[in-house]
N, C-alpha and C. Protein backbone atom coordinates (compact mmCIF):
# COMPACT_ATOMS: atom_id res chain seq x y z
N UNK A 1 -16.08 -44.15 -27.36
CA UNK A 1 -15.20 -43.71 -26.86
C UNK A 1 -15.32 -42.08 -26.20
N UNK A 2 -15.52 -41.83 -25.19
CA UNK A 2 -15.63 -40.52 -24.78
C UNK A 2 -14.50 -39.69 -23.76
N UNK A 3 -14.10 -38.63 -23.80
CA UNK A 3 -13.31 -37.82 -23.17
C UNK A 3 -13.73 -37.01 -22.21
N UNK A 4 -12.92 -37.05 -21.00
CA UNK A 4 -13.32 -36.04 -19.99
C UNK A 4 -12.21 -34.95 -20.10
N UNK A 5 -12.80 -33.74 -19.93
CA UNK A 5 -11.93 -32.55 -20.21
C UNK A 5 -12.09 -32.01 -18.76
N UNK A 6 -11.11 -31.68 -18.26
CA UNK A 6 -10.84 -30.74 -16.86
C UNK A 6 -10.85 -29.08 -17.42
N UNK A 7 -11.64 -28.35 -16.87
CA UNK A 7 -11.91 -27.29 -17.16
C UNK A 7 -11.30 -26.32 -15.51
N UNK A 8 -10.58 -25.30 -15.54
CA UNK A 8 -10.19 -24.94 -14.02
C UNK A 8 -10.40 -23.41 -14.45
N UNK A 9 -10.59 -22.86 -13.18
CA UNK A 9 -10.48 -21.28 -13.16
C UNK A 9 -10.52 -20.71 -11.82
N UNK A 10 -10.28 -19.94 -11.38
CA UNK A 10 -9.62 -18.97 -10.32
C UNK A 10 -9.96 -17.85 -9.75
N UNK A 11 -10.86 -17.79 -8.66
CA UNK A 11 -11.58 -16.65 -8.15
C UNK A 11 -10.18 -15.87 -7.20
N UNK A 12 -10.73 -14.89 -6.57
CA UNK A 12 -9.53 -14.30 -5.31
C UNK A 12 -8.85 -15.51 -4.72
N UNK A 13 -9.18 -16.76 -4.00
CA UNK A 13 -8.35 -17.45 -3.34
C UNK A 13 -9.07 -18.87 -3.33
N UNK A 14 -10.10 -18.95 -4.28
CA UNK A 14 -10.48 -20.47 -4.31
C UNK A 14 -10.24 -21.20 -5.81
N UNK A 15 -9.79 -22.38 -5.45
CA UNK A 15 -10.01 -23.25 -6.92
C UNK A 15 -11.19 -23.63 -7.32
N UNK A 16 -11.62 -23.71 -8.55
CA UNK A 16 -12.62 -24.14 -8.70
C UNK A 16 -12.45 -25.14 -10.15
N UNK A 17 -13.10 -26.28 -10.09
CA UNK A 17 -12.96 -27.33 -11.01
C UNK A 17 -14.17 -27.64 -11.99
N UNK A 18 -14.11 -27.94 -13.01
CA UNK A 18 -15.46 -28.08 -13.57
C UNK A 18 -14.97 -29.61 -14.76
N UNK A 19 -15.95 -30.28 -15.05
CA UNK A 19 -15.42 -31.45 -15.89
C UNK A 19 -16.43 -31.45 -17.10
N UNK A 20 -16.08 -31.78 -18.20
CA UNK A 20 -17.20 -31.69 -19.37
C UNK A 20 -16.84 -33.09 -20.14
N UNK A 21 -17.92 -34.09 -20.48
CA UNK A 21 -17.54 -35.12 -21.06
C UNK A 21 -18.23 -34.99 -22.36
N UNK A 22 -17.45 -35.13 -23.73
CA UNK A 22 -17.97 -35.30 -24.93
C UNK A 22 -17.33 -36.74 -25.83
N UNK A 23 -18.43 -36.87 -26.70
CA UNK A 23 -18.02 -37.93 -27.66
C UNK A 23 -17.41 -37.20 -28.85
N UNK A 24 -15.88 -37.54 -28.82
CA UNK A 24 -15.67 -36.81 -30.14
C UNK A 24 -15.88 -37.15 -31.77
N UNK A 25 -16.59 -38.40 -31.83
CA UNK A 25 -17.02 -38.70 -33.10
C UNK A 25 -18.35 -38.03 -33.70
N UNK A 26 -19.01 -37.21 -32.88
CA UNK A 26 -19.76 -36.24 -33.65
C UNK A 26 -19.22 -35.77 -34.55
N UNK A 27 -18.28 -34.83 -34.47
CA UNK A 27 -17.89 -34.17 -35.54
C UNK A 27 -16.39 -34.32 -34.78
N UNK A 28 -15.73 -33.68 -36.35
CA UNK A 28 -13.71 -33.99 -36.22
C UNK A 28 -13.28 -33.20 -34.72
N UNK A 29 -12.12 -34.14 -34.13
CA UNK A 29 -11.91 -33.48 -32.76
C UNK A 29 -11.36 -32.17 -33.02
N UNK A 30 -10.95 -31.56 -34.20
CA UNK A 30 -10.21 -30.14 -34.21
C UNK A 30 -11.48 -29.13 -33.84
N UNK A 31 -12.70 -29.37 -34.75
CA UNK A 31 -13.81 -28.40 -34.64
C UNK A 31 -14.24 -28.60 -32.93
N UNK A 32 -14.33 -29.80 -32.27
CA UNK A 32 -14.82 -30.07 -31.60
C UNK A 32 -13.74 -29.05 -30.20
N UNK A 33 -12.72 -29.28 -30.25
CA UNK A 33 -11.98 -28.54 -29.39
C UNK A 33 -11.88 -27.13 -29.86
N UNK A 34 -11.93 -26.77 -30.83
CA UNK A 34 -11.91 -24.99 -31.05
C UNK A 34 -13.43 -24.60 -30.90
N UNK A 35 -14.25 -25.46 -30.87
CA UNK A 35 -15.58 -24.78 -30.47
C UNK A 35 -15.58 -24.95 -29.08
N UNK A 36 -15.42 -25.89 -28.13
CA UNK A 36 -15.24 -26.04 -26.60
C UNK A 36 -14.27 -24.50 -26.21
N UNK A 37 -13.35 -24.55 -26.84
CA UNK A 37 -12.42 -23.48 -26.33
C UNK A 37 -12.80 -21.95 -26.27
N UNK A 38 -13.32 -21.96 -27.74
CA UNK A 38 -14.04 -20.70 -28.06
C UNK A 38 -15.41 -20.24 -27.12
N UNK A 39 -15.97 -21.16 -26.97
CA UNK A 39 -17.25 -21.08 -26.19
C UNK A 39 -16.75 -20.63 -24.56
N UNK A 40 -15.69 -21.55 -23.66
CA UNK A 40 -15.22 -21.00 -22.56
C UNK A 40 -14.78 -19.78 -22.41
N UNK A 41 -13.89 -19.36 -23.71
CA UNK A 41 -13.38 -18.45 -23.54
C UNK A 41 -14.43 -17.15 -23.52
N UNK A 42 -15.33 -17.21 -24.12
CA UNK A 42 -16.42 -16.14 -24.31
C UNK A 42 -17.15 -16.00 -23.20
N UNK A 43 -17.38 -17.27 -22.44
CA UNK A 43 -18.39 -17.39 -21.63
C UNK A 43 -17.38 -16.80 -20.26
N UNK A 44 -16.18 -16.94 -20.18
CA UNK A 44 -15.44 -16.72 -18.94
C UNK A 44 -14.97 -14.86 -19.10
N UNK A 45 -15.20 -14.52 -20.23
CA UNK A 45 -14.87 -12.77 -20.54
C UNK A 45 -16.17 -12.44 -19.91
N UNK A 46 -17.31 -12.92 -20.34
CA UNK A 46 -18.74 -12.16 -19.76
C UNK A 46 -19.19 -12.51 -18.21
N UNK A 47 -18.42 -13.65 -18.03
CA UNK A 47 -18.97 -14.16 -16.26
C UNK A 47 -18.08 -13.90 -15.32
N UNK A 48 -17.03 -13.20 -15.93
CA UNK A 48 -15.94 -12.66 -14.77
C UNK A 48 -16.55 -11.24 -13.94
N UNK A 49 -16.48 -11.18 -12.66
CA UNK A 49 -16.60 -10.32 -12.18
C UNK A 49 -15.36 -9.50 -11.05
N UNK A 50 -14.91 -8.44 -11.42
CA UNK A 50 -13.59 -7.89 -10.94
C UNK A 50 -14.30 -7.18 -9.57
N UNK A 51 -13.51 -7.29 -8.23
CA UNK A 51 -13.88 -6.44 -7.25
C UNK A 51 -13.41 -4.86 -7.69
N UNK A 52 -13.91 -4.09 -7.43
CA UNK A 52 -13.74 -2.50 -7.42
C UNK A 52 -13.83 -1.88 -5.90
N UNK A 53 -12.51 -1.38 -5.81
CA UNK A 53 -12.37 -0.79 -4.58
C UNK A 53 -12.74 0.87 -4.85
N UNK A 54 -13.71 1.62 -3.91
CA UNK A 54 -13.94 2.62 -4.03
C UNK A 54 -14.20 2.86 -2.24
N UNK A 55 -13.32 4.16 -1.82
CA UNK A 55 -12.85 4.56 -0.49
C UNK A 55 -12.87 3.24 0.36
N UNK A 56 -11.92 2.62 -0.06
CA UNK A 56 -11.58 1.30 0.72
C UNK A 56 -12.29 0.41 0.91
N UNK A 57 -13.86 0.20 0.59
CA UNK A 57 -14.52 -0.81 0.38
C UNK A 57 -14.55 -1.58 -1.14
N UNK A 58 -14.63 -2.86 -1.25
CA UNK A 58 -14.60 -3.36 -2.21
C UNK A 58 -16.20 -3.73 -2.94
N UNK A 59 -16.43 -3.76 -4.20
CA UNK A 59 -17.59 -3.93 -4.55
C UNK A 59 -17.87 -5.02 -5.73
N UNK A 60 -18.94 -5.62 -5.93
CA UNK A 60 -19.01 -6.12 -7.33
C UNK A 60 -20.62 -5.46 -7.96
N UNK A 61 -20.69 -5.39 -8.83
CA UNK A 61 -21.85 -4.27 -9.54
C UNK A 61 -22.70 -5.19 -10.28
N UNK A 62 -23.94 -5.18 -10.20
CA UNK A 62 -24.83 -5.77 -10.86
C UNK A 62 -25.71 -4.41 -11.99
N UNK A 63 -25.14 -4.67 -13.45
CA UNK A 63 -25.66 -3.39 -14.26
C UNK A 63 -27.15 -3.39 -14.30
N UNK A 64 -27.61 -4.87 -14.50
CA UNK A 64 -29.13 -4.87 -14.81
C UNK A 64 -29.97 -3.86 -13.50
N UNK A 65 -29.41 -4.34 -12.13
CA UNK A 65 -30.46 -4.10 -11.45
C UNK A 65 -29.78 -2.59 -10.72
N UNK A 66 -28.87 -2.11 -11.23
CA UNK A 66 -28.00 -0.87 -10.69
C UNK A 66 -27.95 -0.85 -9.12
N UNK A 67 -27.48 -2.05 -8.81
CA UNK A 67 -27.14 -2.30 -7.21
C UNK A 67 -25.83 -2.85 -7.38
N UNK A 68 -25.23 -2.72 -5.91
CA UNK A 68 -23.66 -3.16 -5.56
C UNK A 68 -23.70 -4.16 -3.95
N UNK A 69 -22.82 -4.91 -4.19
CA UNK A 69 -22.67 -5.62 -3.18
C UNK A 69 -21.34 -5.43 -2.55
N UNK A 70 -21.19 -5.35 -1.29
CA UNK A 70 -19.65 -5.43 -0.65
C UNK A 70 -19.14 -6.56 -0.65
N UNK A 71 -18.11 -7.14 -1.30
CA UNK A 71 -17.34 -8.50 -1.04
C UNK A 71 -15.88 -8.33 -0.37
N UNK A 72 -15.58 -9.41 -0.11
CA UNK A 72 -14.33 -9.57 0.53
C UNK A 72 -13.31 -9.29 -0.26
N UNK A 73 -11.98 -8.83 0.05
CA UNK A 73 -10.63 -8.78 -0.37
C UNK A 73 -9.73 -9.26 0.10
N UNK A 74 -9.20 -10.27 -0.65
CA UNK A 74 -8.28 -11.17 0.32
C UNK A 74 -6.62 -10.94 -0.23
N UNK A 75 -5.59 -11.13 0.59
CA UNK A 75 -4.51 -10.99 0.43
C UNK A 75 -3.42 -12.17 1.30
N UNK A 76 -2.54 -12.92 0.08
CA UNK A 76 -1.92 -13.45 0.93
C UNK A 76 -1.01 -13.43 2.04
N UNK A 77 -1.05 -14.32 3.07
CA UNK A 77 -0.20 -13.77 4.00
C UNK A 77 0.88 -14.85 4.72
N UNK A 78 0.59 -16.09 3.65
CA UNK A 78 1.71 -16.96 3.85
C UNK A 78 1.23 -18.52 3.44
N UNK A 79 2.45 -19.42 3.45
CA UNK A 79 1.69 -20.70 3.07
C UNK A 79 1.27 -21.61 4.31
N UNK A 80 0.14 -22.28 4.11
CA UNK A 80 -0.40 -23.06 5.10
C UNK A 80 -1.54 -23.90 5.01
N UNK A 81 -2.38 -24.31 5.61
CA UNK A 81 -3.55 -25.13 5.60
C UNK A 81 -4.30 -24.89 4.66
N UNK A 82 -4.42 -24.16 3.67
CA UNK A 82 -5.79 -24.20 2.74
C UNK A 82 -5.57 -25.18 1.65
N UNK A 83 -6.56 -25.36 0.90
CA UNK A 83 -7.04 -25.94 -0.20
C UNK A 83 -5.53 -26.29 -1.23
N UNK A 84 -5.17 -24.79 -1.29
CA UNK A 84 -4.20 -24.39 -2.35
C UNK A 84 -2.66 -23.77 -1.81
N UNK A 85 -2.68 -24.47 -0.46
CA UNK A 85 -1.82 -24.07 0.16
C UNK A 85 -1.41 -22.95 0.84
N UNK A 86 -2.49 -21.89 0.26
CA UNK A 86 -2.20 -20.55 0.96
C UNK A 86 -2.97 -19.89 2.02
N UNK A 87 -2.46 -19.40 2.75
CA UNK A 87 -3.33 -18.60 3.81
C UNK A 87 -3.60 -17.09 3.31
N UNK A 88 -4.82 -16.89 3.58
CA UNK A 88 -5.21 -15.22 3.34
C UNK A 88 -5.90 -14.59 4.25
N UNK A 89 -5.59 -13.39 4.33
CA UNK A 89 -6.06 -12.20 5.10
C UNK A 89 -7.21 -11.40 4.69
N UNK A 90 -7.89 -10.69 5.37
CA UNK A 90 -9.04 -9.70 4.98
C UNK A 90 -8.27 -8.60 5.02
N UNK A 91 -8.70 -7.69 3.97
CA UNK A 91 -7.92 -6.20 3.86
C UNK A 91 -8.77 -5.13 4.78
N UNK A 92 -9.95 -5.54 5.02
CA UNK A 92 -10.63 -4.30 5.83
C UNK A 92 -9.99 -4.43 7.25
N UNK A 93 -10.44 -3.08 8.03
CA UNK A 93 -9.71 -2.69 9.22
C UNK A 93 -10.16 -1.36 9.66
N UNK A 94 -10.11 -1.36 10.85
CA UNK A 94 -10.64 0.26 11.16
C UNK A 94 -12.27 0.35 11.32
N UNK A 95 -12.41 1.80 11.00
CA UNK A 95 -13.94 2.01 11.06
C UNK A 95 -14.48 1.68 9.56
N UNK A 96 -15.42 1.16 9.20
CA UNK A 96 -16.17 0.89 8.04
C UNK A 96 -17.23 1.50 8.03
N UNK A 97 -17.78 2.46 7.09
CA UNK A 97 -19.06 3.02 6.93
C UNK A 97 -19.10 2.67 5.46
N UNK A 98 -20.63 1.79 5.46
CA UNK A 98 -20.78 1.41 4.26
C UNK A 98 -21.85 2.33 3.68
N UNK A 99 -21.58 3.00 2.32
CA UNK A 99 -22.51 4.17 2.11
C UNK A 99 -23.83 3.80 1.07
N UNK A 100 -24.86 4.24 1.29
CA UNK A 100 -26.02 4.16 0.66
C UNK A 100 -26.00 3.54 -0.77
N UNK A 101 -25.17 4.37 -1.57
CA UNK A 101 -24.95 4.35 -3.18
C UNK A 101 -23.59 4.51 -3.13
N UNK A 102 -22.83 4.02 -4.62
CA UNK A 102 -21.66 4.57 -4.74
C UNK A 102 -21.58 4.68 -6.39
N UNK A 103 -20.71 5.19 -6.84
CA UNK A 103 -20.61 5.65 -8.29
C UNK A 103 -19.28 5.04 -8.95
N UNK A 104 -19.44 4.55 -10.16
CA UNK A 104 -18.40 3.87 -10.82
C UNK A 104 -18.86 3.74 -12.09
N UNK A 105 -17.87 4.06 -13.15
CA UNK A 105 -18.21 4.23 -14.57
C UNK A 105 -19.33 5.35 -15.05
N UNK A 106 -19.35 6.25 -14.15
CA UNK A 106 -20.23 6.98 -14.66
C UNK A 106 -21.88 6.95 -14.31
N UNK A 107 -22.18 5.73 -13.69
CA UNK A 107 -23.27 5.07 -13.14
C UNK A 107 -23.31 5.15 -11.38
N UNK A 108 -24.66 5.39 -11.18
CA UNK A 108 -24.71 5.47 -9.59
C UNK A 108 -25.37 4.10 -9.11
N UNK A 109 -24.66 3.28 -8.38
CA UNK A 109 -25.33 1.66 -7.87
C UNK A 109 -25.95 1.97 -6.28
N UNK A 110 -26.75 1.22 -6.17
CA UNK A 110 -27.46 1.53 -4.84
C UNK A 110 -26.93 0.28 -4.12
N UNK A 111 -26.23 0.25 -3.03
CA UNK A 111 -25.54 -0.86 -2.36
C UNK A 111 -26.65 -1.68 -1.19
N UNK A 112 -27.22 -2.71 -1.22
CA UNK A 112 -28.19 -3.73 -1.09
C UNK A 112 -27.62 -4.82 -0.30
N UNK A 113 -26.37 -5.23 -0.59
CA UNK A 113 -25.84 -6.59 -0.11
C UNK A 113 -24.55 -6.25 0.47
N UNK A 114 -24.24 -7.31 1.84
CA UNK A 114 -22.87 -7.48 1.97
C UNK A 114 -22.83 -8.96 2.15
N UNK A 115 -21.76 -9.04 0.92
CA UNK A 115 -21.67 -10.87 0.63
C UNK A 115 -21.20 -11.58 1.49
N UNK A 116 -20.94 -12.85 0.81
CA UNK A 116 -20.66 -13.87 1.84
C UNK A 116 -18.80 -13.98 2.08
N UNK A 117 -18.92 -13.76 3.39
CA UNK A 117 -17.44 -13.73 3.89
C UNK A 117 -16.88 -12.45 3.82
N UNK A 118 -17.70 -11.26 3.34
CA UNK A 118 -17.05 -10.02 2.93
C UNK A 118 -16.19 -9.45 4.24
N UNK A 119 -16.40 -9.45 5.52
CA UNK A 119 -15.85 -9.05 6.43
C UNK A 119 -15.17 -10.33 7.25
N UNK A 120 -15.33 -11.32 6.85
CA UNK A 120 -14.81 -12.33 7.68
C UNK A 120 -13.23 -12.70 8.05
N UNK A 121 -13.01 -12.38 9.13
CA UNK A 121 -11.23 -12.68 9.63
C UNK A 121 -10.46 -11.12 9.45
N UNK A 122 -11.44 -10.02 9.35
CA UNK A 122 -11.05 -8.91 9.16
C UNK A 122 -10.66 -8.28 10.70
N UNK A 123 -10.12 -6.97 10.55
CA UNK A 123 -9.44 -6.31 11.70
C UNK A 123 -10.82 -4.72 11.87
N UNK A 124 -11.83 -5.07 11.27
CA UNK A 124 -12.88 -3.97 11.48
C UNK A 124 -13.28 -3.80 13.19
N UNK A 125 -13.21 -2.39 13.24
CA UNK A 125 -13.20 -2.31 14.64
C UNK A 125 -14.86 -1.56 14.87
N UNK A 126 -15.48 -0.93 13.50
CA UNK A 126 -16.65 -0.54 13.71
C UNK A 126 -17.28 -0.28 12.40
N UNK A 127 -18.58 -0.77 12.38
CA UNK A 127 -19.25 -0.87 11.44
C UNK A 127 -20.56 -0.50 11.28
N UNK A 128 -20.96 0.40 10.09
CA UNK A 128 -22.11 1.18 9.95
C UNK A 128 -22.89 0.68 8.61
N UNK A 129 -24.28 0.30 8.94
CA UNK A 129 -24.80 -0.55 7.66
C UNK A 129 -26.13 0.34 7.60
N UNK A 130 -26.03 0.87 6.06
CA UNK A 130 -26.99 1.94 5.89
C UNK A 130 -28.25 1.13 5.69
N UNK A 131 -29.55 2.10 5.50
CA UNK A 131 -30.89 1.52 5.33
C UNK A 131 -30.91 0.89 4.19
N UNK A 132 -30.08 0.89 2.89
CA UNK A 132 -30.47 0.03 2.04
C UNK A 132 -29.82 -1.24 1.53
N UNK A 133 -28.95 -1.87 2.66
CA UNK A 133 -28.72 -3.04 2.71
C UNK A 133 -29.63 -3.73 3.65
N UNK A 134 -30.31 -4.92 2.59
CA UNK A 134 -31.38 -5.54 3.31
C UNK A 134 -30.97 -7.21 2.66
N UNK A 135 -29.68 -7.71 2.60
CA UNK A 135 -29.02 -8.85 2.24
C UNK A 135 -27.93 -8.91 3.13
N UNK A 136 -27.74 -9.80 4.12
CA UNK A 136 -26.40 -10.11 4.68
C UNK A 136 -26.16 -11.57 4.54
N UNK A 137 -25.04 -11.91 3.55
CA UNK A 137 -24.92 -13.09 2.92
C UNK A 137 -24.16 -14.23 3.97
N UNK A 138 -23.85 -15.48 3.75
CA UNK A 138 -23.13 -16.58 4.75
C UNK A 138 -22.09 -15.81 5.26
N UNK A 139 -21.75 -15.89 6.28
CA UNK A 139 -20.45 -15.94 7.18
C UNK A 139 -20.06 -14.15 6.96
N UNK A 140 -20.87 -13.27 6.48
CA UNK A 140 -20.57 -11.97 6.39
C UNK A 140 -19.69 -11.36 7.41
N UNK A 141 -19.80 -11.62 8.67
CA UNK A 141 -19.24 -11.29 9.88
C UNK A 141 -18.34 -12.12 10.51
N UNK A 142 -18.37 -13.57 10.30
CA UNK A 142 -17.64 -14.39 11.16
C UNK A 142 -16.15 -13.98 11.30
N UNK A 143 -15.96 -14.72 12.82
CA UNK A 143 -14.70 -14.12 13.00
C UNK A 143 -13.85 -12.55 12.83
N UNK A 144 -14.59 -12.21 13.25
CA UNK A 144 -14.43 -10.48 13.34
C UNK A 144 -14.36 -9.97 14.88
N UNK A 145 -12.85 -10.42 15.05
CA UNK A 145 -12.45 -10.41 16.52
C UNK A 145 -12.09 -9.12 16.98
N UNK A 146 -12.23 -8.14 16.33
CA UNK A 146 -11.71 -6.71 16.70
C UNK A 146 -12.97 -5.75 16.67
N UNK A 147 -14.01 -6.22 16.42
CA UNK A 147 -15.20 -5.60 16.27
C UNK A 147 -15.82 -5.08 17.50
N UNK A 148 -16.00 -3.75 17.66
CA UNK A 148 -16.52 -3.16 19.03
C UNK A 148 -17.56 -2.30 19.07
N UNK A 149 -17.93 -1.82 17.76
CA UNK A 149 -19.05 -1.13 17.52
C UNK A 149 -19.98 -1.61 16.54
N UNK A 150 -21.22 -1.57 16.23
CA UNK A 150 -22.06 -1.99 15.10
C UNK A 150 -23.39 -1.13 15.18
N UNK A 151 -23.23 -0.58 14.24
CA UNK A 151 -24.64 0.37 14.31
C UNK A 151 -25.53 0.35 12.31
N UNK A 152 -26.49 0.68 12.70
CA UNK A 152 -27.33 0.38 11.60
C UNK A 152 -28.20 1.55 11.28
N UNK A 153 -28.56 2.02 10.55
CA UNK A 153 -29.62 3.14 9.95
C UNK A 153 -30.82 2.55 10.62
N UNK A 154 -31.58 4.00 11.22
CA UNK A 154 -33.04 3.69 11.78
C UNK A 154 -33.87 3.25 10.78
N UNK A 155 -33.55 3.80 9.53
CA UNK A 155 -34.48 3.46 8.63
C UNK A 155 -34.35 2.23 7.78
N UNK A 156 -33.51 1.33 8.26
CA UNK A 156 -33.28 0.26 7.36
C UNK A 156 -34.64 -0.87 7.98
N UNK A 157 -35.23 -1.52 6.81
CA UNK A 157 -36.36 -2.39 6.73
C UNK A 157 -36.22 -3.47 7.42
N UNK A 158 -35.27 -3.98 7.43
CA UNK A 158 -34.92 -5.39 8.05
C UNK A 158 -33.92 -5.36 9.00
N UNK A 159 -33.05 -4.66 9.40
CA UNK A 159 -32.15 -4.98 10.71
C UNK A 159 -32.17 -3.71 11.33
N UNK A 160 -31.89 -3.80 12.45
CA UNK A 160 -31.82 -3.13 13.48
C UNK A 160 -30.52 -3.49 14.40
N UNK A 161 -30.47 -2.18 15.38
CA UNK A 161 -29.10 -2.25 16.34
C UNK A 161 -29.72 -2.08 17.62
N UNK A 162 -29.69 -2.65 18.48
CA UNK A 162 -30.19 -2.66 19.94
C UNK A 162 -29.24 -2.75 21.15
N UNK A 163 -28.41 -1.41 21.73
CA UNK A 163 -27.37 -1.70 22.51
C UNK A 163 -26.05 -2.61 21.95
N UNK A 164 -25.91 -2.04 20.45
CA UNK A 164 -24.54 -2.30 20.30
C UNK A 164 -24.87 -4.17 19.73
N UNK A 165 -25.87 -4.48 19.22
CA UNK A 165 -26.47 -5.83 19.01
C UNK A 165 -27.17 -5.80 17.70
N UNK A 166 -26.73 -6.40 16.79
CA UNK A 166 -27.20 -6.39 15.54
C UNK A 166 -28.38 -7.34 15.46
N UNK A 167 -29.72 -7.13 15.22
CA UNK A 167 -30.68 -8.12 15.01
C UNK A 167 -31.57 -8.04 13.49
N UNK A 168 -31.99 -9.08 12.97
CA UNK A 168 -32.95 -9.19 11.98
C UNK A 168 -34.34 -9.79 12.73
N UNK A 169 -35.40 -8.63 12.83
CA UNK A 169 -36.53 -9.28 13.25
C UNK A 169 -36.28 -9.35 15.15
N UNK A 170 -36.57 -10.59 15.30
CA UNK A 170 -36.18 -11.27 16.91
C UNK A 170 -35.05 -11.91 16.70
N UNK A 171 -34.30 -12.42 15.76
CA UNK A 171 -33.09 -13.07 15.76
C UNK A 171 -32.01 -12.23 15.93
N UNK A 172 -30.90 -12.64 16.83
CA UNK A 172 -29.84 -11.78 16.97
C UNK A 172 -28.48 -12.12 16.13
N UNK A 173 -28.22 -11.46 15.35
CA UNK A 173 -27.20 -12.16 14.22
C UNK A 173 -25.85 -11.84 14.55
N UNK A 174 -25.67 -10.38 15.15
CA UNK A 174 -24.41 -10.41 15.59
C UNK A 174 -23.74 -9.31 16.53
N UNK A 175 -23.27 -9.95 17.78
CA UNK A 175 -22.81 -9.15 18.85
C UNK A 175 -20.97 -9.02 19.07
N UNK A 176 -20.74 -7.81 19.22
CA UNK A 176 -19.65 -7.61 18.90
C UNK A 176 -18.65 -8.38 19.90
N UNK A 177 -17.41 -9.02 19.18
CA UNK A 177 -16.46 -9.97 20.04
C UNK A 177 -15.81 -9.15 21.03
N UNK A 178 -15.61 -7.55 20.78
CA UNK A 178 -14.46 -7.19 21.51
C UNK A 178 -15.22 -6.35 22.28
N UNK A 179 -16.41 -6.13 22.59
CA UNK A 179 -17.40 -5.56 23.56
C UNK A 179 -17.23 -5.67 24.81
N UNK A 180 -16.50 -4.89 25.77
CA UNK A 180 -15.87 -5.05 26.99
C UNK A 180 -17.11 -4.41 28.17
N UNK A 181 -18.45 -4.38 27.65
CA UNK A 181 -19.34 -3.57 28.63
C UNK A 181 -20.64 -5.01 28.71
N UNK A 182 -21.56 -4.87 29.58
CA UNK A 182 -22.73 -5.83 29.57
C UNK A 182 -23.36 -6.13 28.25
N UNK A 183 -24.00 -7.03 27.68
CA UNK A 183 -24.21 -6.84 26.45
C UNK A 183 -25.96 -7.64 27.16
N UNK A 184 -26.71 -6.37 26.21
CA UNK A 184 -28.11 -6.30 26.81
C UNK A 184 -28.99 -7.02 25.55
N UNK A 185 -29.63 -7.98 25.67
CA UNK A 185 -30.44 -8.78 24.59
C UNK A 185 -32.08 -8.23 24.72
N UNK A 186 -32.55 -7.47 23.40
CA UNK A 186 -33.66 -6.89 23.45
C UNK A 186 -34.71 -8.06 23.59
N UNK A 187 -35.86 -7.43 24.46
CA UNK A 187 -36.87 -8.46 24.89
C UNK A 187 -37.49 -8.76 23.49
N UNK A 188 -38.08 -10.43 23.50
CA UNK A 188 -38.52 -10.69 22.47
C UNK A 188 -38.11 -11.69 21.62
N UNK A 189 -36.57 -11.71 21.73
CA UNK A 189 -35.62 -12.38 21.14
C UNK A 189 -35.83 -14.00 21.19
N UNK A 190 -36.10 -14.46 19.64
CA UNK A 190 -36.50 -15.86 19.48
C UNK A 190 -35.24 -16.85 19.48
N UNK A 191 -34.23 -16.32 18.88
CA UNK A 191 -33.17 -16.94 17.91
C UNK A 191 -31.88 -16.30 18.44
N UNK A 192 -30.89 -16.97 18.31
CA UNK A 192 -29.49 -16.37 18.46
C UNK A 192 -28.96 -16.87 17.61
């Protein structure tokens, strides 16, 4: 006889579920459950990454590599059509200037990434990407309906901006939606 245990944890707005199957006759039931509980409790303490807000930008820190990633920060805006029943809005708005480095708990971290959906559905009007950001994760700029200006450091080794459009090499990544002038695509672009 086997038992199936459902384990639940929640991050900012997504519900995640895991299942563990175990055979209780391998050891007494109390010891199994106690061991399982303590193991999960310890894992959850060390795996939890809290978003830290510094100058209106939210980060997660990697202490091993001394790097930081810009992450989304959502707030509940009402009950609606999501998996858990709540709709969420992104807290970013206005002008966002991502710094090359941030300090937290007496350590300095280099900002190297913009995380999954970091600015999705935000009200950002202008965005600056520094030379240190070399990773843009999935959906980082999706549905940025108010973005008017995007800039990137000339020293960024991976990304560039030409006439207010963000590129990675010959791939067009982001063209501001709220841009009311002619959009010029640079010569040599092979992918949109």
